[in-house]
Protein backbone atom coordinates (compact mmCIF):
# COMPACT_ATOMS: atom_id res chain seq x y z
CA MET A 1 120.17 170.39 -68.13
CA GLY A 2 118.20 173.12 -66.40
CA CYS A 3 119.32 176.50 -65.11
CA PRO A 4 122.87 176.13 -63.69
CA ALA A 5 123.78 177.46 -60.25
CA ASP A 6 126.19 179.94 -61.81
CA ARG A 7 123.69 181.44 -64.27
CA SER A 8 124.73 184.91 -63.11
CA PHE A 9 128.22 184.24 -64.49
CA CYS A 10 126.75 183.24 -67.86
CA GLU A 11 124.51 186.30 -67.86
CA LEU A 12 127.38 188.63 -66.93
CA VAL A 13 129.50 187.41 -69.85
CA VAL A 14 126.51 187.77 -72.19
CA ALA A 15 125.95 191.31 -70.84
CA LEU A 16 129.59 192.22 -71.51
CA SER A 17 129.37 190.88 -75.07
CA THR A 18 126.16 192.87 -75.55
CA ILE A 19 127.62 196.20 -74.52
CA LEU A 20 130.77 195.60 -76.58
CA ASP A 21 128.48 195.37 -79.60
CA VAL A 22 126.47 198.57 -78.99
CA GLU A 23 127.08 201.34 -81.50
CA GLU A 24 125.42 204.53 -80.26
CA GLU A 25 121.74 203.46 -80.31
CA THR A 26 122.19 200.22 -82.27
CA LYS A 27 122.94 196.68 -81.07
CA LEU A 28 125.20 194.97 -83.60
CA TYR A 29 124.83 191.41 -82.20
CA HIS A 30 128.14 190.37 -83.77
CA ALA A 31 129.44 188.46 -80.74
CA TRP A 32 126.08 186.75 -80.12
CA ARG A 33 125.88 185.52 -83.71
CA VAL A 34 129.48 184.29 -83.72
CA ALA A 35 128.99 182.52 -80.38
CA LEU A 36 125.75 180.80 -81.38
CA VAL A 37 126.91 179.72 -84.83
CA ALA A 38 130.30 178.52 -83.54
CA ARG A 39 128.56 176.52 -80.80
CA GLU A 40 126.33 174.77 -83.34
CA LEU A 41 129.44 173.89 -85.35
CA ALA A 42 131.10 172.61 -82.19
CA GLN A 43 128.11 170.41 -81.39
CA LYS A 44 128.88 168.62 -84.68
CA VAL A 45 132.69 168.54 -84.78
CA LEU A 46 133.92 169.35 -81.24
CA PRO A 47 131.04 168.47 -78.88
CA GLU A 48 133.17 168.16 -75.74
CA GLN A 49 134.21 171.82 -76.09
CA SER A 50 130.94 173.38 -77.27
CA THR A 51 130.45 175.40 -74.05
CA GLN A 52 133.99 176.76 -74.19
CA VAL A 53 133.49 177.65 -77.86
CA PHE A 54 130.31 179.53 -76.92
CA TYR A 55 132.09 181.67 -74.31
CA ALA A 56 135.00 182.25 -76.67
CA GLY A 57 132.54 183.46 -79.29
CA LEU A 58 130.96 185.92 -76.89
CA LEU A 59 134.34 187.41 -76.00
CA HIS A 60 136.33 186.83 -79.20
CA ASP A 61 136.65 190.56 -80.01
CA LEU A 62 137.27 191.74 -76.46
CA GLY A 63 140.75 192.85 -77.48
CA GLY A 64 139.23 195.46 -79.79
CA ILE A 65 137.59 197.42 -76.97
CA GLY A 66 139.98 200.39 -77.29
CA LEU A 67 139.77 200.78 -81.07
CA ASP A 68 138.32 203.90 -82.68
CA ASP A 69 135.53 201.96 -84.41
CA HIS A 70 133.88 198.55 -84.07
CA LEU A 71 135.77 195.69 -85.66
CA VAL A 72 132.86 194.76 -87.95
CA HIS A 73 133.51 198.07 -89.71
CA LEU A 74 137.30 198.15 -89.44
CA VAL A 75 137.90 194.71 -90.94
CA THR A 76 136.03 195.58 -94.14
CA ARG A 77 138.27 198.55 -94.93
CA ALA A 78 141.12 198.33 -97.41
CA GLY A 79 144.35 197.20 -95.79
CA ALA A 80 142.62 196.12 -92.58
CA GLU A 81 144.81 193.04 -92.16
CA LEU A 82 147.89 195.27 -92.12
CA ASN A 83 146.56 197.44 -89.29
CA PRO A 84 148.71 196.56 -86.23
CA GLU A 85 145.84 197.19 -83.81
CA ILE A 86 143.58 194.80 -85.71
CA ARG A 87 146.33 192.20 -85.94
CA GLU A 88 146.96 192.35 -82.20
CA HIS A 89 143.35 192.29 -80.96
CA PRO A 90 143.18 188.45 -80.76
CA ARG A 91 146.24 188.37 -78.51
CA LYS A 92 144.98 191.25 -76.35
CA GLY A 93 141.58 189.63 -75.92
CA ALA A 94 143.15 186.29 -75.06
CA ALA A 95 145.25 187.89 -72.32
CA MET A 96 142.12 189.41 -70.75
CA VAL A 97 140.07 186.22 -70.93
CA ALA A 98 142.89 184.07 -69.52
CA ALA A 99 142.28 185.76 -66.16
CA ILE A 100 138.56 184.89 -65.98
CA PRO A 101 137.96 181.98 -63.58
CA GLY A 102 136.39 178.97 -65.28
CA LEU A 103 137.38 180.08 -68.77
CA GLY A 104 141.13 180.57 -68.57
CA GLU A 105 143.69 179.28 -71.03
CA GLU A 106 141.45 176.97 -73.09
CA VAL A 107 139.01 179.71 -74.09
CA ALA A 108 141.82 182.25 -74.31
CA ALA A 109 143.66 180.07 -76.84
CA MET A 110 140.57 179.92 -79.06
CA ILE A 111 140.31 183.71 -78.98
CA ARG A 112 144.04 184.13 -79.67
CA ASP A 113 143.82 181.94 -82.81
CA HIS A 114 140.43 182.95 -84.22
CA HIS A 115 141.98 184.89 -87.13
CA GLU A 116 144.51 182.18 -88.00
CA HIS A 117 143.95 180.42 -91.35
CA TRP A 118 144.37 176.78 -92.30
CA ASP A 119 146.77 177.76 -95.11
CA GLY A 120 148.92 179.96 -92.86
CA SER A 121 147.69 183.30 -94.23
CA GLY A 122 146.04 184.47 -91.01
CA PHE A 123 147.20 186.46 -87.98
CA PRO A 124 148.57 187.26 -85.44
CA ARG A 125 151.08 184.36 -85.61
CA GLY A 126 150.62 182.94 -89.11
CA LEU A 127 149.86 179.45 -87.81
CA LYS A 128 148.97 176.68 -90.24
CA GLY A 129 146.88 173.51 -90.22
CA GLY A 130 146.89 171.48 -87.02
CA ALA A 131 148.88 174.13 -85.15
CA ILE A 132 145.67 176.17 -84.85
CA VAL A 133 143.43 175.48 -81.84
CA PRO A 134 140.40 173.63 -83.31
CA GLY A 135 137.81 175.77 -81.54
CA ALA A 136 139.40 178.89 -83.03
CA LEU A 137 138.61 177.70 -86.54
CA LEU A 138 134.93 177.44 -85.60
CA LEU A 139 135.02 181.02 -84.33
CA GLY A 140 136.73 182.18 -87.49
CA LEU A 141 134.15 180.57 -89.77
CA ALA A 142 131.27 181.94 -87.69
CA ASP A 143 132.92 185.37 -87.84
CA HIS A 144 133.06 185.19 -91.65
CA PHE A 145 129.38 184.23 -91.72
CA ASP A 146 128.34 187.22 -89.63
CA LEU A 147 130.34 189.65 -91.77
CA ALA A 148 128.90 188.19 -94.99
CA LEU A 149 125.37 188.40 -93.60
CA ARG A 150 126.02 191.97 -92.46
CA THR A 151 127.19 193.07 -95.91
CA ASN A 152 124.30 191.27 -97.62
CA PRO A 153 121.29 192.19 -95.44
CA GLY A 154 118.04 190.43 -96.25
CA SER A 155 119.76 187.73 -98.32
CA ASP A 156 118.99 184.02 -98.08
CA TRP A 157 121.59 181.40 -97.19
CA PRO A 158 122.70 180.62 -100.79
CA ALA A 159 123.49 184.31 -101.37
CA VAL A 160 125.38 184.62 -98.08
CA LYS A 161 127.25 181.39 -98.81
CA LYS A 162 128.34 182.76 -102.18
CA ALA A 163 129.53 185.98 -100.54
CA MET A 164 131.63 183.89 -98.12
CA GLU A 165 133.25 181.58 -100.65
CA ARG A 166 136.25 183.71 -101.59
CA LYS A 167 136.98 184.63 -97.97
CA VAL A 168 136.88 181.07 -96.62
CA GLN A 169 138.82 179.41 -99.46
CA GLY A 170 142.03 178.06 -97.94
CA ALA A 171 141.23 179.55 -94.55
CA PHE A 172 139.56 176.39 -93.20
CA PRO A 173 139.78 172.63 -93.73
CA PRO A 174 137.33 171.82 -96.57
CA GLU A 175 135.00 169.78 -94.40
CA LEU A 176 134.25 172.68 -92.04
CA PRO A 177 132.40 174.97 -94.51
CA ALA A 178 130.48 171.84 -95.58
CA VAL A 179 129.29 171.31 -92.00
CA LEU A 180 128.21 174.96 -91.83
CA ASP A 181 126.34 174.59 -95.12
CA SER A 182 124.47 171.55 -93.82
CA LEU A 183 123.50 173.29 -90.56
CA MET A 184 122.35 176.42 -92.34
CA GLN A 185 120.21 174.49 -94.79
CA GLU A 186 118.71 172.38 -92.02
CA PHE A 187 117.70 174.98 -89.42
CA LEU A 188 120.46 177.38 -88.35
CA PHE A 189 120.04 180.19 -90.89
CA ALA A 190 116.45 180.79 -89.79
CA GLU A 191 117.58 180.92 -86.13
CA VAL A 192 120.39 183.44 -86.54
CA ALA A 193 119.68 185.51 -89.65
CA THR A 194 117.48 188.10 -87.90
CA ASN A 195 118.11 189.85 -84.59
CA ALA A 196 114.73 188.78 -83.20
CA ALA A 197 115.41 185.10 -83.88
CA LEU A 198 118.95 185.47 -82.56
CA GLU A 199 117.73 186.94 -79.25
CA LEU A 200 115.27 184.09 -78.77
CA LYS A 201 117.97 181.50 -79.40
CA MET A 202 120.35 183.21 -76.96
CA PHE A 203 117.82 183.48 -74.14
CA ARG A 204 116.88 179.81 -74.51
CA LEU A 205 120.52 178.79 -74.45
CA ILE A 206 121.32 180.75 -71.29
CA LEU A 207 118.67 178.74 -69.43
CA ASN A 208 120.21 175.43 -70.47
CA LEU A 209 123.93 176.10 -70.68
CA PRO A 210 126.02 173.62 -68.64
CA PRO A 211 127.72 175.20 -65.61
CA VAL A 212 131.29 176.44 -65.74
CA LYS A 213 133.71 174.60 -63.45
CA PHE A 214 135.44 177.13 -61.21
CA ASN A 215 138.76 176.55 -59.47
CA VAL A 216 138.35 179.44 -57.01
CA ASN A 217 135.94 180.23 -54.18
CA GLU A 218 134.71 183.61 -55.40
CA PRO A 219 134.53 183.43 -59.21
CA MET A 220 131.96 186.21 -59.57
CA LYS A 221 133.95 188.66 -57.45
CA ILE A 222 137.14 187.94 -59.38
CA THR A 223 135.28 188.20 -62.69
CA ILE A 224 133.65 191.50 -61.69
CA ASN A 225 137.04 192.95 -60.73
CA LEU A 226 138.38 191.89 -64.12
CA PHE A 227 135.37 193.42 -65.87
CA ALA A 228 136.00 196.67 -63.99
CA ARG A 229 139.52 196.76 -65.43
CA ILE A 230 138.14 196.02 -68.89
CA ILE A 231 135.63 198.87 -68.54
CA ASP A 232 138.43 201.28 -67.69
CA THR A 233 140.47 200.32 -70.77
CA LYS A 234 137.90 202.16 -72.87
CA HIS A 235 139.51 205.42 -71.70
CA THR A 236 143.12 206.38 -72.29
CA TYR A 237 143.27 208.08 -68.89
CA THR A 238 141.11 206.16 -66.40
CA ALA A 239 143.12 203.03 -65.64
CA GLY A 240 142.09 201.87 -62.18
CA HIS A 241 139.16 204.29 -61.94
CA SER A 242 136.50 201.69 -61.14
CA GLN A 243 138.65 199.96 -58.50
CA ARG A 244 139.42 203.30 -56.86
CA VAL A 245 135.76 204.31 -56.86
CA ALA A 246 134.85 200.96 -55.30
CA GLY A 247 137.49 201.49 -52.61
CA TYR A 248 136.12 204.95 -51.79
CA VAL A 249 132.58 203.51 -51.70
CA VAL A 250 133.70 200.95 -49.11
CA LYS A 251 135.21 203.68 -46.91
CA LEU A 252 132.09 205.86 -47.14
CA ALA A 253 129.71 202.97 -46.50
CA ARG A 254 131.59 201.90 -43.40
CA CYS A 255 131.68 205.47 -42.08
CA LEU A 256 127.90 205.61 -42.60
CA GLY A 257 127.46 202.46 -40.51
CA PHE A 258 126.61 199.98 -43.27
CA SER A 259 126.91 196.27 -42.51
CA GLU A 260 129.75 194.34 -44.12
CA GLU A 261 127.26 192.54 -46.36
CA GLU A 262 125.74 195.80 -47.59
CA THR A 263 129.19 197.35 -47.95
CA GLY A 264 130.28 194.41 -50.11
CA ARG A 265 127.18 194.81 -52.25
CA LEU A 266 127.93 198.51 -52.82
CA GLU A 267 131.56 197.70 -53.60
CA ILE A 268 130.37 195.59 -56.54
CA ALA A 269 128.05 198.41 -57.65
CA GLY A 270 131.06 200.75 -57.54
CA LEU A 271 133.14 198.37 -59.62
CA LEU A 272 130.42 198.20 -62.30
CA HIS A 273 129.10 201.78 -62.17
CA ASP A 274 130.54 202.60 -65.60
CA PHE A 275 129.56 199.30 -67.29
CA GLY A 276 127.37 201.12 -69.83
CA LYS A 277 130.21 203.47 -70.77
CA ILE A 278 131.80 200.72 -72.89
CA ALA A 279 129.20 201.63 -75.55
CA VAL A 280 130.38 205.27 -75.73
CA PRO A 281 132.86 205.80 -78.59
CA ARG A 282 136.42 206.42 -77.46
CA ALA A 283 136.59 209.62 -79.52
CA ILE A 284 133.86 211.08 -77.31
CA LEU A 285 135.31 209.82 -74.03
CA ASP A 286 138.76 211.21 -74.84
CA LYS A 287 137.64 214.48 -76.43
CA PRO A 288 139.64 217.30 -74.77
CA GLY A 289 137.14 220.07 -75.59
CA PRO A 290 133.41 220.53 -74.93
CA LEU A 291 130.99 217.89 -76.23
CA ASP A 292 128.35 218.84 -78.78
CA THR A 293 124.64 218.11 -78.30
CA ARG A 294 124.77 214.68 -79.99
CA GLU A 295 127.82 213.64 -77.98
CA ILE A 296 126.24 214.74 -74.71
CA LYS A 297 123.15 212.66 -75.51
CA ILE A 298 125.31 209.59 -76.15
CA VAL A 299 127.26 210.03 -72.90
CA ARG A 300 124.07 210.51 -70.89
CA GLN A 301 122.75 207.17 -72.10
CA HIS A 302 125.50 205.19 -70.39
CA PRO A 303 123.83 205.07 -66.94
CA VAL A 304 120.64 203.69 -68.54
CA ARG A 305 122.70 201.01 -70.26
CA THR A 306 124.37 200.15 -66.96
CA ILE A 307 120.96 199.65 -65.34
CA ASP A 308 119.66 197.58 -68.26
CA LEU A 309 122.73 195.35 -68.33
CA LEU A 310 122.90 194.71 -64.60
CA THR A 311 119.16 194.08 -64.45
CA SER A 312 119.70 191.27 -66.96
CA VAL A 313 122.06 189.48 -64.54
CA SER A 314 120.15 187.50 -61.90
CA GLY A 315 122.70 187.97 -59.14
CA LEU A 316 123.28 191.68 -59.77
CA LYS A 317 119.87 193.14 -60.62
CA ASP A 318 119.26 194.36 -57.06
CA LEU A 319 122.24 196.75 -57.31
CA ALA A 320 121.50 198.00 -60.84
CA ARG A 321 119.99 201.32 -59.67
CA ASP A 322 122.78 201.95 -57.17
CA ALA A 323 125.35 201.51 -59.95
CA GLY A 324 123.44 203.27 -62.70
CA LEU A 325 122.07 206.37 -60.97
CA HIS A 326 125.39 207.86 -59.87
CA HIS A 327 124.99 210.85 -62.23
CA GLU A 328 121.77 212.00 -60.59
CA ARG A 329 122.18 215.11 -58.40
CA TYR A 330 120.73 215.71 -54.96
CA ASP A 331 119.02 218.88 -56.25
CA GLY A 332 117.37 217.05 -59.18
CA LYS A 333 119.56 218.56 -61.92
CA GLY A 334 121.38 215.36 -62.82
CA TYR A 335 120.76 212.66 -65.42
CA PRO A 336 119.38 210.44 -66.84
CA TYR A 337 116.06 210.91 -64.99
CA GLY A 338 116.40 214.13 -62.97
CA LEU A 339 115.73 212.40 -59.64
CA GLN A 340 116.33 214.34 -56.43
CA GLY A 341 116.98 213.77 -52.76
CA GLY A 342 115.56 210.54 -51.41
CA GLU A 343 114.33 209.49 -54.87
CA ILE A 344 117.95 208.56 -55.56
CA PRO A 345 119.03 205.33 -53.82
CA LEU A 346 121.50 206.00 -51.03
CA GLY A 347 123.98 203.64 -52.68
CA ALA A 348 123.91 205.77 -55.83
CA ARG A 349 124.44 208.93 -53.77
CA ILE A 350 127.52 207.31 -52.21
CA ILE A 351 128.90 206.23 -55.59
CA ALA A 352 128.25 209.72 -56.99
CA LEU A 353 130.52 211.29 -54.39
CA ALA A 354 133.18 208.57 -54.73
CA ASP A 355 133.14 208.98 -58.51
CA ALA A 356 133.50 212.77 -58.29
CA PHE A 357 136.32 212.50 -55.74
CA ASP A 358 138.30 210.16 -57.98
CA ALA A 359 137.67 212.28 -61.09
CA MET A 360 139.00 215.36 -59.30
CA THR A 361 142.09 213.67 -57.88
CA SER A 362 143.04 211.78 -61.07
CA LEU A 363 144.62 213.03 -64.29
CA ARG A 364 141.82 214.08 -66.66
CA PRO A 365 142.26 216.04 -69.93
CA TYR A 366 139.26 218.31 -69.27
CA GLN A 367 140.10 219.60 -65.77
CA PRO A 368 143.06 220.25 -63.44
CA THR A 369 144.07 217.52 -61.01
CA ARG A 370 143.16 218.42 -57.43
CA THR A 371 144.77 217.38 -54.18
CA PRO A 372 142.54 215.25 -51.92
CA GLU A 373 142.09 218.24 -49.62
CA GLU A 374 141.07 220.50 -52.52
CA ALA A 375 138.62 217.85 -53.75
CA LEU A 376 137.10 217.58 -50.27
CA ALA A 377 136.57 221.35 -50.19
CA ILE A 378 134.76 221.17 -53.54
CA LEU A 379 132.57 218.32 -52.25
CA ASN A 380 131.64 220.44 -49.25
CA ARG A 381 130.62 223.31 -51.52
CA GLY A 382 128.38 220.88 -53.43
CA SER A 383 126.64 219.61 -50.30
CA GLY A 384 122.87 219.88 -50.70
CA SER A 385 123.13 220.64 -54.42
CA GLN A 386 125.15 218.01 -56.26
CA PHE A 387 125.76 215.74 -53.28
CA ASP A 388 123.80 214.28 -50.37
CA PRO A 389 124.76 216.22 -47.19
CA GLN A 390 124.90 213.06 -45.06
CA VAL A 391 127.41 211.50 -47.46
CA VAL A 392 129.46 214.71 -47.64
CA ALA A 393 129.57 214.72 -43.83
CA VAL A 394 131.60 211.50 -43.80
CA ALA A 395 133.74 212.37 -46.84
CA PRO A 396 136.79 213.24 -44.66
CA CYS A 397 137.19 209.49 -44.18
CA LEU A 398 138.44 209.40 -47.78
CA LEU A 399 141.62 211.17 -46.62
CA THR A 400 142.56 208.39 -44.21
């Protein structure tokens, strides 16, 4: 099958899995490898659910978004399976995914059970045997493969297989590791062992993935709203930030005379303006004191990541710069590129003001909370320097 009509949905989920796996300047590719390996297993043992297994693989660690470190590091530490946050991440991720149109309960159940073991020794519920959702076992085995490959870099399949043996013993029905062994020996190891090969396999798959069947009229809009909530869970203090910014963007755009179509486009850009911030470690985002030079550099990369991610989604690439350039300043002293005035897209100038207004009127550990009127006064003082004067001129509409 060729490119499905809802390719943008596929690409958006892939983009989310990508940013969840970014560690400062490094892409970990954990979710991609789990998704691709689990799908190949499904093609052999669960072909009717191979697409659902693929999406579950991409999002299987979504519930770990608020942890202090990436799960590929946390799970290798002594006592990891006793850590309550690690034990609960499958359930948390499942709850998030259950709300995504077209994925829903089937994919959510796979994510919920992906750390359950055939012998009952897994978590979070200690399920055993046939009580475990079949697709979850494929995710679990693919997860073990990625971790073994990660701890044995440069090894061939026999060495990785040996490293896996103790971990998978009793955790899966005996025939499942045998299927993985056959696939790896035949072709799969060469396709997923290196990041370059993995990227090529992923991009080819996106072009040919069967479409998701949606039960709602606006699946992308609902999914984007959900992703905005997911983005905000990275902070301990910004619940609802992206939705509020999007609401302020709508008010400003209407006051500036934008059409409803253009206003709707900017609303989506507002919802996704902090997409790249998922890659910033929580310890930096929640730090109450000043950031050091390294931390500032990491934070200032998040707009670039937002642009890169949204550019990779066919249906969203035209709003990537509006979403990603909201930290540029009208006087050219912003970041990441130091653009000024009309060099900054008007949409980004609108989002910049909406973002600042929400930051000032919400509880933040690094500054006092302002009343809307106080925030408006500060915006006025920044007119022509931080903010576009024409956007500041309509800012009083935010008080209505």
